[in-house]
PDB file of all heavy atoms in Angstrom:
ATOM      1  N   VAL A   1      32.370-218.293-199.862  1.00  0.00           N
ATOM      2  CA  VAL A   1      32.268-216.874-199.476  1.00  0.00           C
ATOM      3  C   VAL A   1      31.337-216.142-200.429  1.00  0.00           C
ATOM      4  O   VAL A   1      30.454-215.391-199.997  1.00  0.00           O
ATOM      5  CB  VAL A   1      33.659-216.198-199.435  1.00  0.00           C
ATOM      6  CG1 VAL A   1      33.531-214.683-199.291  1.00  0.00           C
ATOM      7  CG2 VAL A   1      34.502-216.770-198.298  1.00  0.00           C
ATOM      8  N   LYS A   2      31.505-216.364-201.736  1.00  0.00           N
ATOM      9  CA  LYS A   2      30.624-215.719-202.732  1.00  0.00           C
ATOM     10  C   LYS A   2      29.164-216.087-202.484  1.00  0.00           C
ATOM     11  O   LYS A   2      28.283-215.231-202.563  1.00  0.00           O
ATOM     12  CB  LYS A   2      31.006-216.144-204.152  1.00  0.00           C
ATOM     13  CG  LYS A   2      32.278-215.551-204.669  1.00  0.00           C
ATOM     14  CD  LYS A   2      32.500-216.041-206.105  1.00  0.00           C
ATOM     15  CE  LYS A   2      33.916-215.853-206.547  1.00  0.00           C
ATOM     16  NZ  LYS A   2      34.173-216.463-207.858  1.00  0.00           N
ATOM     17  N   ASP A   3      28.911-217.355-202.195  1.00  0.00           N
ATOM     18  CA  ASP A   3      27.545-217.820-201.954  1.00  0.00           C
ATOM     19  C   ASP A   3      26.975-217.229-200.656  1.00  0.00           C
ATOM     20  O   ASP A   3      25.824-216.785-200.622  1.00  0.00           O
ATOM     21  CB  ASP A   3      27.518-219.346-201.899  1.00  0.00           C
ATOM     22  CG  ASP A   3      26.110-219.889-201.778  1.00  0.00           C
ATOM     23  OD1 ASP A   3      25.237-219.484-202.583  1.00  0.00           O
ATOM     24  OD2 ASP A   3      25.871-220.707-200.870  1.00  0.00           O
ATOM     25  N   ILE A   4      27.758-217.205-199.615  1.00  0.00           N
ATOM     26  CA  ILE A   4      27.302-216.684-198.321  1.00  0.00           C
ATOM     27  C   ILE A   4      26.959-215.196-198.419  1.00  0.00           C
ATOM     28  O   ILE A   4      26.025-214.722-197.768  1.00  0.00           O
ATOM     29  CB  ILE A   4      28.358-216.943-197.219  1.00  0.00           C
ATOM     30  CG1 ILE A   4      28.490-218.450-196.952  1.00  0.00           C
ATOM     31  CG2 ILE A   4      27.998-216.218-195.921  1.00  0.00           C
ATOM     32  CD1 ILE A   4      29.683-218.825-196.089  1.00  0.00           C
ATOM     33  N   LEU A   5      27.685-214.468-199.254  1.00  0.00           N
ATOM     34  CA  LEU A   5      27.403-213.038-199.437  1.00  0.00           C
ATOM     35  C   LEU A   5      25.977-212.776-199.918  1.00  0.00           C
ATOM     36  O   LEU A   5      25.418-211.722-199.638  1.00  0.00           O
ATOM     37  CB  LEU A   5      28.387-212.422-200.443  1.00  0.00           C
ATOM     38  CG  LEU A   5      29.690-211.902-199.865  1.00  0.00           C
ATOM     39  CD1 LEU A   5      30.665-211.572-200.979  1.00  0.00           C
ATOM     40  CD2 LEU A   5      29.435-210.697-198.977  1.00  0.00           C
ATOM     41  N   LYS A   6      25.389-213.734-200.614  1.00  0.00           N
ATOM     42  CA  LYS A   6      24.032-213.581-201.151  1.00  0.00           C
ATOM     43  C   LYS A   6      22.958-213.885-200.110  1.00  0.00           C
ATOM     44  O   LYS A   6      21.789-213.605-200.337  1.00  0.00           O
ATOM     45  CB  LYS A   6      23.835-214.512-202.349  1.00  0.00           C
ATOM     46  CG  LYS A   6      24.788-214.269-203.490  1.00  0.00           C
ATOM     47  CD  LYS A   6      24.644-215.349-204.547  1.00  0.00           C
ATOM     48  CE  LYS A   6      25.767-215.296-205.558  1.00  0.00           C
ATOM     49  NZ  LYS A   6      25.786-216.467-206.433  1.00  0.00           N
ATOM     50  N   ARG A   7      23.349-214.470-198.989  1.00  0.00           N
ATOM     51  CA  ARG A   7      22.374-214.910-197.981  1.00  0.00           C
ATOM     52  C   ARG A   7      22.049-213.799-196.984  1.00  0.00           C
ATOM     53  O   ARG A   7      22.895-212.963-196.679  1.00  0.00           O
ATOM     54  CB  ARG A   7      22.923-216.113-197.207  1.00  0.00           C
ATOM     55  CG  ARG A   7      23.270-217.285-198.084  1.00  0.00           C
ATOM     56  CD  ARG A   7      23.826-218.410-197.249  1.00  0.00           C
ATOM     57  NE  ARG A   7      24.595-219.336-198.081  1.00  0.00           N
ATOM     58  CZ  ARG A   7      25.388-220.262-197.616  1.00  0.00           C
ATOM     59  NH1 ARG A   7      25.531-220.412-196.309  1.00  0.00           N
ATOM     60  NH2 ARG A   7      26.045-221.052-198.428  1.00  0.00           N
ATOM     61  N   PRO A   8      20.828-213.830-196.458  1.00  0.00           N
ATOM     62  CA  PRO A   8      20.478-212.838-195.429  1.00  0.00           C
ATOM     63  C   PRO A   8      21.186-213.141-194.105  1.00  0.00           C
ATOM     64  O   PRO A   8      21.516-214.289-193.815  1.00  0.00           O
ATOM     65  CB  PRO A   8      18.958-213.008-195.283  1.00  0.00           C
ATOM     66  CG  PRO A   8      18.694-214.412-195.709  1.00  0.00           C
ATOM     67  CD  PRO A   8      19.723-214.732-196.769  1.00  0.00           C
ATOM     68  N   LEU A   9      21.428-212.099-193.330  1.00  0.00           N
ATOM     69  CA  LEU A   9      21.965-212.263-191.977  1.00  0.00           C
ATOM     70  C   LEU A   9      20.770-212.328-191.037  1.00  0.00           C
ATOM     71  O   LEU A   9      20.246-211.301-190.620  1.00  0.00           O
ATOM     72  CB  LEU A   9      22.859-211.081-191.594  1.00  0.00           C
ATOM     73  CG  LEU A   9      24.343-211.247-191.868  1.00  0.00           C
ATOM     74  CD1 LEU A   9      24.647-211.138-193.332  1.00  0.00           C
ATOM     75  CD2 LEU A   9      25.134-210.262-191.074  1.00  0.00           C
ATOM     76  N   ASN A  10      20.329-213.533-190.730  1.00  0.00           N
ATOM     77  CA  ASN A  10      19.140-213.664-189.890  1.00  0.00           C
ATOM     78  C   ASN A  10      19.202-214.859-188.943  1.00  0.00           C
ATOM     79  O   ASN A  10      18.197-215.245-188.370  1.00  0.00           O
ATOM     80  CB  ASN A  10      17.885-213.740-190.755  1.00  0.00           C
ATOM     81  CG  ASN A  10      17.886-214.942-191.675  1.00  0.00           C
ATOM     82  OD1 ASN A  10      18.783-215.769-191.662  1.00  0.00           O
ATOM     83  ND2 ASN A  10      16.855-215.026-192.505  1.00  0.00           N
ATOM     84  N   LYS A  11      20.387-215.441-188.791  1.00  0.00           N
ATOM     85  CA  LYS A  11      20.512-216.586-187.895  1.00  0.00           C
ATOM     86  C   LYS A  11      21.163-216.136-186.585  1.00  0.00           C
ATOM     87  O   LYS A  11      22.221-215.520-186.587  1.00  0.00           O
ATOM     88  CB  LYS A  11      21.363-217.682-188.541  1.00  0.00           C
ATOM     89  CG  LYS A  11      21.473-218.908-187.650  1.00  0.00           C
ATOM     90  CD  LYS A  11      22.245-220.010-188.315  1.00  0.00           C
ATOM     91  CE  LYS A  11      22.317-221.212-187.383  1.00  0.00           C
ATOM     92  NZ  LYS A  11      23.249-222.210-187.868  1.00  0.00           N
ATOM     93  N   ASN A  12      20.507-216.451-185.481  1.00  0.00           N
ATOM     94  CA  ASN A  12      21.062-216.136-184.169  1.00  0.00           C
ATOM     95  C   ASN A  12      21.838-217.329-183.651  1.00  0.00           C
ATOM     96  O   ASN A  12      21.340-218.453-183.682  1.00  0.00           O
ATOM     97  CB  ASN A  12      19.940-215.791-183.179  1.00  0.00           C
ATOM     98  CG  ASN A  12      19.226-214.521-183.568  1.00  0.00           C
ATOM     99  OD1 ASN A  12      19.852-213.478-183.718  1.00  0.00           O
ATOM    100  ND2 ASN A  12      17.928-214.606-183.759  1.00  0.00           N
ATOM    101  N   GLU A  13      23.054-217.074-183.197  1.00  0.00           N
ATOM    102  CA  GLU A  13      23.876-218.148-182.655  1.00  0.00           C
ATOM    103  C   GLU A  13      24.757-217.605-181.539  1.00  0.00           C
ATOM    104  O   GLU A  13      25.191-216.455-181.582  1.00  0.00           O
ATOM    105  CB  GLU A  13      24.745-218.771-183.753  1.00  0.00           C
ATOM    106  CG  GLU A  13      25.448-220.006-183.261  1.00  0.00           C
ATOM    107  CD  GLU A  13      25.808-220.975-184.367  1.00  0.00           C
ATOM    108  OE1 GLU A  13      25.164-220.977-185.424  1.00  0.00           O
ATOM    109  OE2 GLU A  13      26.738-221.743-184.148  1.00  0.00           O
ATOM    110  N   SER A  14      25.011-218.441-180.554  1.00  0.00           N
ATOM    111  CA  SER A  14      25.867-218.054-179.436  1.00  0.00           C
ATOM    112  C   SER A  14      27.265-218.613-179.621  1.00  0.00           C
ATOM    113  O   SER A  14      27.448-219.708-180.141  1.00  0.00           O
ATOM    114  CB  SER A  14      25.310-218.591-178.114  1.00  0.00           C
ATOM    115  OG  SER A  14      24.071-217.994-177.832  1.00  0.00           O
ATOM    116  N   PHE A  15      28.228-217.826-179.164  1.00  0.00           N
ATOM    117  CA  PHE A  15      29.607-218.277-179.085  1.00  0.00           C
ATOM    118  C   PHE A  15      30.139-217.796-177.740  1.00  0.00           C
ATOM    119  O   PHE A  15      30.233-216.600-177.498  1.00  0.00           O
ATOM    120  CB  PHE A  15      30.447-217.712-180.230  1.00  0.00           C
ATOM    121  CG  PHE A  15      31.905-218.059-180.116  1.00  0.00           C
ATOM    122  CD1 PHE A  15      32.331-219.370-180.283  1.00  0.00           C
ATOM    123  CD2 PHE A  15      32.843-217.094-179.827  1.00  0.00           C
ATOM    124  CE1 PHE A  15      33.668-219.694-180.164  1.00  0.00           C
ATOM    125  CE2 PHE A  15      34.181-217.412-179.708  1.00  0.00           C
ATOM    126  CZ  PHE A  15      34.600-218.716-179.878  1.00  0.00           C
ATOM    127  N   LYS A  16      30.409-218.732-176.878  1.00  0.00           N
ATOM    128  CA  LYS A  16      30.807-218.440-175.496  1.00  0.00           C
ATOM    129  C   LYS A  16      29.752-217.528-174.869  1.00  0.00           C
ATOM    130  O   LYS A  16      28.607-217.924-174.770  1.00  0.00           O
ATOM    131  CB  LYS A  16      32.218-217.878-175.440  1.00  0.00           C
ATOM    132  CG  LYS A  16      33.259-218.870-175.925  1.00  0.00           C
ATOM    133  CD  LYS A  16      34.655-218.365-175.756  1.00  0.00           C
ATOM    134  CE  LYS A  16      35.641-219.399-176.293  1.00  0.00           C
ATOM    135  NZ  LYS A  16      37.011-218.995-176.108  1.00  0.00           N
ATOM    136  N   GLU A  17      30.112-216.294-174.506  1.00  0.00           N
ATOM    137  CA  GLU A  17      29.170-215.404-173.815  1.00  0.00           C
ATOM    138  C   GLU A  17      28.407-214.458-174.748  1.00  0.00           C
ATOM    139  O   GLU A  17      27.584-213.683-174.286  1.00  0.00           O
ATOM    140  CB  GLU A  17      29.927-214.531-172.803  1.00  0.00           C
ATOM    141  CG  GLU A  17      30.624-215.292-171.714  1.00  0.00           C
ATOM    142  CD  GLU A  17      31.439-214.366-170.837  1.00  0.00           C
ATOM    143  OE1 GLU A  17      30.833-213.522-170.151  1.00  0.00           O
ATOM    144  OE2 GLU A  17      32.675-214.477-170.849  1.00  0.00           O
ATOM    145  N   ILE A  18      28.711-214.491-176.022  1.00  0.00           N
ATOM    146  CA  ILE A  18      28.127-213.501-176.931  1.00  0.00           C
ATOM    147  C   ILE A  18      27.090-214.148-177.856  1.00  0.00           C
ATOM    148  O   ILE A  18      27.263-215.279-178.301  1.00  0.00           O
ATOM    149  CB  ILE A  18      29.231-212.785-177.750  1.00  0.00           C
ATOM    150  CG1 ILE A  18      28.671-211.609-178.527  1.00  0.00           C
ATOM    151  CG2 ILE A  18      29.976-213.751-178.646  1.00  0.00           C
ATOM    152  CD1 ILE A  18      29.735-210.710-179.132  1.00  0.00           C
ATOM    153  N   LYS A  19      26.029-213.422-178.102  1.00  0.00           N
ATOM    154  CA  LYS A  19      25.006-213.850-179.060  1.00  0.00           C
ATOM    155  C   LYS A  19      25.250-213.049-180.337  1.00  0.00           C
ATOM    156  O   LYS A  19      25.405-211.835-180.307  1.00  0.00           O
ATOM    157  CB  LYS A  19      23.618-213.591-178.501  1.00  0.00           C
ATOM    158  CG  LYS A  19      23.323-214.427-177.263  1.00  0.00           C
ATOM    159  CD  LYS A  19      21.859-214.444-176.931  1.00  0.00           C
ATOM    160  CE  LYS A  19      21.532-215.181-175.667  1.00  0.00           C
ATOM    161  NZ  LYS A  19      22.241-216.377-175.361  1.00  0.00           N
ATOM    162  N   LEU A  20      25.268-213.753-181.459  1.00  0.00           N
ATOM    163  CA  LEU A  20      25.614-213.130-182.731  1.00  0.00           C
ATOM    164  C   LEU A  20      24.561-213.387-183.789  1.00  0.00           C
ATOM    165  O   LEU A  20      23.858-214.396-183.745  1.00  0.00           O
ATOM    166  CB  LEU A  20      26.959-213.691-183.223  1.00  0.00           C
ATOM    167  CG  LEU A  20      28.155-213.398-182.315  1.00  0.00           C
ATOM    168  CD1 LEU A  20      29.280-214.362-182.597  1.00  0.00           C
ATOM    169  CD2 LEU A  20      28.600-211.958-182.508  1.00  0.00           C
ATOM    170  N   ILE A  21      24.492-212.483-184.736  1.00  0.00           N
ATOM    171  CA  ILE A  21      23.649-212.656-185.920  1.00  0.00           C
ATOM    172  C   ILE A  21      24.610-212.966-187.062  1.00  0.00           C
ATOM    173  O   ILE A  21      25.515-212.178-187.349  1.00  0.00           O
ATOM    174  CB  ILE A  21      22.836-211.382-186.219  1.00  0.00           C
ATOM    175  CG1 ILE A  21      21.956-211.018-185.026  1.00  0.00           C
ATOM    176  CG2 ILE A  21      22.003-211.574-187.484  1.00  0.00           C
ATOM    177  CD1 ILE A  21      21.346-209.631-185.119  1.00  0.00           C
ATOM    178  N   ILE A  22      24.393-214.120-187.693  1.00  0.00           N
ATOM    179  CA  ILE A  22      25.277-214.560-188.771  1.00  0.00           C
ATOM    180  C   ILE A  22      24.427-214.949-189.986  1.00  0.00           C
ATOM    181  O   ILE A  22      23.209-215.058-189.884  1.00  0.00           O
ATOM    182  CB  ILE A  22      26.180-215.727-188.306  1.00  0.00           C
ATOM    183  CG1 ILE A  22      25.354-216.939-187.831  1.00  0.00           C
ATOM    184  CG2 ILE A  22      27.133-215.264-187.206  1.00  0.00           C
ATOM    185  CD1 ILE A  22      26.184-218.161-187.465  1.00  0.00           C
ATOM    186  N   PRO A  23      25.076-215.171-191.137  1.00  0.00           N
ATOM    187  CA  PRO A  23      24.314-215.518-192.342  1.00  0.00           C
ATOM    188  C   PRO A  23      23.567-216.852-192.227  1.00  0.00           C
ATOM    189  O   PRO A  23      23.987-217.762-191.518  1.00  0.00           O
ATOM    190  CB  PRO A  23      25.394-215.603-193.428  1.00  0.00           C
ATOM    191  CG  PRO A  23      26.512-214.761-192.921  1.00  0.00           C
ATOM    192  CD  PRO A  23      26.500-214.952-191.434  1.00  0.00           C
ATOM    193  N   LEU A  24      22.475-216.929-192.958  1.00  0.00           N
ATOM    194  CA  LEU A  24      21.670-218.143-193.059  1.00  0.00           C
ATOM    195  C   LEU A  24      22.540-219.306-193.522  1.00  0.00           C
ATOM    196  O   LEU A  24      23.433-219.132-194.351  1.00  0.00           O
ATOM    197  CB  LEU A  24      20.536-217.900-194.054  1.00  0.00           C
ATOM    198  CG  LEU A  24      19.510-219.009-194.246  1.00  0.00           C
ATOM    199  CD1 LEU A  24      18.704-219.193-192.964  1.00  0.00           C
ATOM    200  CD2 LEU A  24      18.587-218.661-195.402  1.00  0.00           C
ATOM    201  N   ASN A  25      22.296-220.498-192.987  1.00  0.00           N
ATOM    202  CA  ASN A  25      23.026-221.722-193.333  1.00  0.00           C
ATOM    203  C   ASN A  25      24.523-221.645-193.034  1.00  0.00           C
ATOM    204  O   ASN A  25      25.353-222.189-193.760  1.00  0.00           O
ATOM    205  CB  ASN A  25      22.815-222.115-194.795  1.00  0.00           C
ATOM    206  CG  ASN A  25      21.407-222.607-195.023  1.00  0.00           C
ATOM    207  OD1 ASN A  25      20.870-223.362-194.222  1.00  0.00           O
ATOM    208  ND2 ASN A  25      20.790-222.156-196.097  1.00  0.00           N
ATOM    209  N   THR A  26      24.855-220.930-191.940  1.00  0.00           N
ATOM    210  CA  THR A  26      26.219-220.940-191.416  1.00  0.00           C
ATOM    211  C   THR A  26      26.125-221.237-189.931  1.00  0.00           C
ATOM    212  O   THR A  26      25.044-221.194-189.345  1.00  0.00           O
ATOM    213  CB  THR A  26      26.949-219.595-191.616  1.00  0.00           C
ATOM    214  OG1 THR A  26      26.282-218.567-190.886  1.00  0.00           O
ATOM    215  CG2 THR A  26      27.056-219.222-193.084  1.00  0.00           C
ATOM    216  N   SER A  27      27.251-221.561-189.347  1.00  0.00           N
ATOM    217  CA  SER A  27      27.316-221.733-187.897  1.00  0.00           C
ATOM    218  C   SER A  27      28.684-221.249-187.443  1.00  0.00           C
ATOM    219  O   SER A  27      29.507-220.830-188.257  1.00  0.00           O
ATOM    220  CB  SER A  27      27.102-223.201-187.501  1.00  0.00           C
ATOM    221  OG  SER A  27      28.191-223.982-187.917  1.00  0.00           O
ATOM    222  N   ILE A  28      28.922-221.335-186.142  1.00  0.00           N
ATOM    223  CA  ILE A  28      30.209-220.925-185.599  1.00  0.00           C
ATOM    224  C   ILE A  28      30.926-222.160-185.073  1.00  0.00           C
ATOM    225  O   ILE A  28      30.363-222.921-184.285  1.00  0.00           O
ATOM    226  CB  ILE A  28      30.035-219.875-184.483  1.00  0.00           C
ATOM    227  CG1 ILE A  28      29.364-218.624-185.053  1.00  0.00           C
ATOM    228  CG2 ILE A  28      31.386-219.529-183.854  1.00  0.00           C
ATOM    229  CD1 ILE A  28      28.987-217.590-184.028  1.00  0.00           C
ATOM    230  N   ASN A  29      32.137-222.360-185.528  1.00  0.00           N
ATOM    231  CA  ASN A  29      32.987-223.441-185.040  1.00  0.00           C
ATOM    232  C   ASN A  29      33.287-223.116-183.573  1.00  0.00           C
ATOM    233  O   ASN A  29      33.995-222.163-183.275  1.00  0.00           O
ATOM    234  CB  ASN A  29      34.276-223.494-185.878  1.00  0.00           C
ATOM    235  CG  ASN A  29      35.232-224.558-185.440  1.00  0.00           C
ATOM    236  OD1 ASN A  29      35.303-224.927-184.283  1.00  0.00           O
ATOM    237  ND2 ASN A  29      36.021-225.034-186.389  1.00  0.00           N
ATOM    238  N   GLN A  30      32.735-223.885-182.666  1.00  0.00           N
ATOM    239  CA  GLN A  30      32.838-223.578-181.243  1.00  0.00           C
ATOM    240  C   GLN A  30      34.258-223.742-180.695  1.00  0.00           C
ATOM    241  O   GLN A  30      34.586-223.164-179.668  1.00  0.00           O
ATOM    242  CB  GLN A  30      31.851-224.425-180.435  1.00  0.00           C
ATOM    243  CG  GLN A  30      30.394-224.102-180.720  1.00  0.00           C
ATOM    244  CD  GLN A  30      30.000-222.673-180.355  1.00  0.00           C
ATOM    245  OE1 GLN A  30      30.345-222.173-179.296  1.00  0.00           O
ATOM    246  NE2 GLN A  30      29.280-222.014-181.258  1.00  0.00           N
ATOM    247  N   LYS A  31      35.107-224.483-181.370  1.00  0.00           N
ATOM    248  CA  LYS A  31      36.504-224.624-180.936  1.00  0.00           C
ATOM    249  C   LYS A  31      37.333-223.410-181.328  1.00  0.00           C
ATOM    250  O   LYS A  31      38.135-222.918-180.552  1.00  0.00           O
ATOM    251  CB  LYS A  31      37.154-225.860-181.561  1.00  0.00           C
ATOM    252  CG  LYS A  31      36.792-227.163-180.915  1.00  0.00           C
ATOM    253  CD  LYS A  31      37.611-228.273-181.547  1.00  0.00           C
ATOM    254  CE  LYS A  31      37.336-229.606-180.909  1.00  0.00           C
ATOM    255  NZ  LYS A  31      38.122-230.680-181.555  1.00  0.00           N
ATOM    256  N   GLN A  32      37.144-222.949-182.569  1.00  0.00           N
ATOM    257  CA  GLN A  32      37.997-221.887-183.098  1.00  0.00           C
ATOM    258  C   GLN A  32      37.329-220.525-183.190  1.00  0.00           C
ATOM    259  O   GLN A  32      38.003-219.514-183.293  1.00  0.00           O
ATOM    260  CB  GLN A  32      38.495-222.281-184.486  1.00  0.00           C
ATOM    261  CG  GLN A  32      39.336-223.515-184.478  1.00  0.00           C
ATOM    262  CD  GLN A  32      39.739-223.901-185.880  1.00  0.00           C
ATOM    263  OE1 GLN A  32      40.066-223.049-186.708  1.00  0.00           O
ATOM    264  NE2 GLN A  32      39.706-225.177-186.168  1.00  0.00           N
ATOM    265  N   GLY A  33      36.006-220.506-183.229  1.00  0.00           N
ATOM    266  CA  GLY A  33      35.292-219.242-183.302  1.00  0.00           C
ATOM    267  C   GLY A  33      35.069-218.717-184.705  1.00  0.00           C
ATOM    268  O   GLY A  33      34.594-217.593-184.872  1.00  0.00           O
ATOM    269  N   ASN A  34      35.385-219.500-185.725  1.00  0.00           N
ATOM    270  CA  ASN A  34      35.192-219.013-187.085  1.00  0.00           C
ATOM    271  C   ASN A  34      33.838-219.447-187.638  1.00  0.00           C
ATOM    272  O   ASN A  34      33.206-220.364-187.144  1.00  0.00           O
ATOM    273  CB  ASN A  34      36.311-219.527-188.006  1.00  0.00           C
ATOM    274  CG  ASN A  34      36.300-221.034-188.174  1.00  0.00           C
ATOM    275  OD1 ASN A  34      36.574-221.759-187.234  1.00  0.00           O
ATOM    276  ND2 ASN A  34      35.991-221.495-189.376  1.00  0.00           N
ATOM    277  N   ILE A  35      33.421-218.766-188.683  1.00  0.00           N
ATOM    278  CA  ILE A  35      32.171-219.094-189.358  1.00  0.00           C
ATOM    279  C   ILE A  35      32.395-220.318-190.243  1.00  0.00           C
ATOM    280  O   ILE A  35      33.438-220.452-190.885  1.00  0.00           O
ATOM    281  CB  ILE A  35      31.672-217.898-190.183  1.00  0.00           C
ATOM    282  CG1 ILE A  35      31.249-216.790-189.217  1.00  0.00           C
ATOM    283  CG2 ILE A  35      30.530-218.286-191.116  1.00  0.00           C
ATOM    284  CD1 ILE A  35      30.713-215.558-189.866  1.00  0.00           C
ATOM    285  N   VAL A  36      31.407-221.198-190.266  1.00  0.00           N
ATOM    286  CA  VAL A  36      31.456-222.394-191.107  1.00  0.00           C
ATOM    287  C   VAL A  36      30.205-222.404-191.986  1.00  0.00           C
ATOM    288  O   VAL A  36      29.092-222.193-191.501  1.00  0.00           O
ATOM    289  CB  VAL A  36      31.490-223.682-190.248  1.00  0.00           C
ATOM    290  CG1 VAL A  36      31.469-224.921-191.130  1.00  0.00           C
ATOM    291  CG2 VAL A  36      32.707-223.692-189.338  1.00  0.00           C
ATOM    292  N   ASP A  37      30.407-222.623-193.284  1.00  0.00           N
ATOM    293  CA  ASP A  37      29.287-222.748-194.219  1.00  0.00           C
ATOM    294  C   ASP A  37      28.682-224.140-194.062  1.00  0.00           C
ATOM    295  O   ASP A  37      29.364-225.144-194.268  1.00  0.00           O
ATOM    296  CB  ASP A  37      29.789-222.542-195.652  1.00  0.00           C
ATOM    297  CG  ASP A  37      28.691-222.687-196.686  1.00  0.00           C
ATOM    298  OD1 ASP A  37      27.515-222.431-196.342  1.00  0.00           O
ATOM    299  OD2 ASP A  37      29.006-223.055-197.828  1.00  0.00           O
ATOM    300  N   LEU A  38      27.413-224.194-193.673  1.00  0.00           N
ATOM    301  CA  LEU A  38      26.768-225.488-193.450  1.00  0.00           C
ATOM    302  C   LEU A  38      26.469-226.232-194.752  1.00  0.00           C
ATOM    303  O   LEU A  38      26.326-227.450-194.751  1.00  0.00           O
ATOM    304  CB  LEU A  38      25.480-225.301-192.642  1.00  0.00           C
ATOM    305  CG  LEU A  38      25.684-224.824-191.206  1.00  0.00           C
ATOM    306  CD1 LEU A  38      24.338-224.599-190.529  1.00  0.00           C
ATOM    307  CD2 LEU A  38      26.537-225.806-190.411  1.00  0.00           C
ATOM    308  N   ARG A  39      26.387-225.523-195.858  1.00  0.00           N
ATOM    309  CA  ARG A  39      26.114-226.175-197.137  1.00  0.00           C
ATOM    310  C   ARG A  39      27.319-226.967-197.639  1.00  0.00           C
ATOM    311  O   ARG A  39      27.170-228.020-198.245  1.00  0.00           O
ATOM    312  CB  ARG A  39      25.703-225.146-198.188  1.00  0.00           C
ATOM    313  CG  ARG A  39      24.339-224.538-197.920  1.00  0.00           C
ATOM    314  CD  ARG A  39      23.961-223.557-199.003  1.00  0.00           C
ATOM    315  NE  ARG A  39      22.676-222.936-198.710  1.00  0.00           N
ATOM    316  CZ  ARG A  39      22.197-221.891-199.351  1.00  0.00           C
ATOM    317  NH1 ARG A  39      22.889-221.343-200.328  1.00  0.00           N
ATOM    318  NH2 ARG A  39      21.029-221.394-199.023  1.00  0.00           N
ATOM    319  N   THR A  40      28.509-226.429-197.413  1.00  0.00           N
ATOM    320  CA  THR A  40      29.718-227.075-197.943  1.00  0.00           C
ATOM    321  C   THR A  40      30.635-227.635-196.856  1.00  0.00           C
ATOM    322  O   THR A  40      31.472-228.485-197.141  1.00  0.00           O
ATOM    323  CB  THR A  40      30.547-226.068-198.761  1.00  0.00           C
ATOM    324  OG1 THR A  40      30.973-225.007-197.887  1.00  0.00           O
ATOM    325  CG2 THR A  40      29.754-225.506-199.922  1.00  0.00           C
ATOM    326  N   GLY A  41      30.501-227.119-195.649  1.00  0.00           N
ATOM    327  CA  GLY A  41      31.379-227.540-194.557  1.00  0.00           C
ATOM    328  C   GLY A  41      32.684-226.758-194.490  1.00  0.00           C
ATOM    329  O   GLY A  41      33.526-227.031-193.633  1.00  0.00           O
ATOM    330  N   TYR A  42      32.857-225.776-195.378  1.00  0.00           N
ATOM    331  CA  TYR A  42      34.107-225.014-195.395  1.00  0.00           C
ATOM    332  C   TYR A  42      34.151-223.963-194.292  1.00  0.00           C
ATOM    333  O   TYR A  42      33.168-223.263-194.035  1.00  0.00           O
ATOM    334  CB  TYR A  42      34.315-224.315-196.741  1.00  0.00           C
ATOM    335  CG  TYR A  42      34.687-225.263-197.848  1.00  0.00           C
ATOM    336  CD1 TYR A  42      33.876-225.419-198.952  1.00  0.00           C
ATOM    337  CD2 TYR A  42      35.863-226.004-197.777  1.00  0.00           C
ATOM    338  CE1 TYR A  42      34.212-226.297-199.973  1.00  0.00           C
ATOM    339  CE2 TYR A  42      36.207-226.889-198.794  1.00  0.00           C
ATOM    340  CZ  TYR A  42      35.383-227.023-199.877  1.00  0.00           C
ATOM    341  OH  TYR A  42      35.719-227.901-200.876  1.00  0.00           O
ATOM    342  N   GLY A  43      35.331-223.844-193.673  1.00  0.00           N
ATOM    343  CA  GLY A  43      35.570-222.790-192.697  1.00  0.00           C
ATOM    344  C   GLY A  43      35.851-221.490-193.424  1.00  0.00           C
ATOM    345  O   GLY A  43      36.585-221.460-194.415  1.00  0.00           O
ATOM    346  N   ILE A  44      35.252-220.429-192.941  1.00  0.00           N
ATOM    347  CA  ILE A  44      35.404-219.105-193.547  1.00  0.00           C
ATOM    348  C   ILE A  44      36.360-218.297-192.662  1.00  0.00           C
ATOM    349  O   ILE A  44      36.249-218.338-191.436  1.00  0.00           O
ATOM    350  CB  ILE A  44      34.027-218.399-193.645  1.00  0.00           C
ATOM    351  CG1 ILE A  44      33.013-219.304-194.383  1.00  0.00           C
ATOM    352  CG2 ILE A  44      34.134-217.036-194.301  1.00  0.00           C
ATOM    353  CD1 ILE A  44      33.404-219.711-195.783  1.00  0.00           C
TER     354      ILE A  44
END
């Protein structure tokens, strides 16, 4: 979380019907809908 706070919000990603802007090097867990840090694999 501390590391992600330093990253820009510039990644576009879809979750179901919505398009979202999320932090760089993160993604959305498509099963649960939570943010996942791609650098560490931790669910946020």
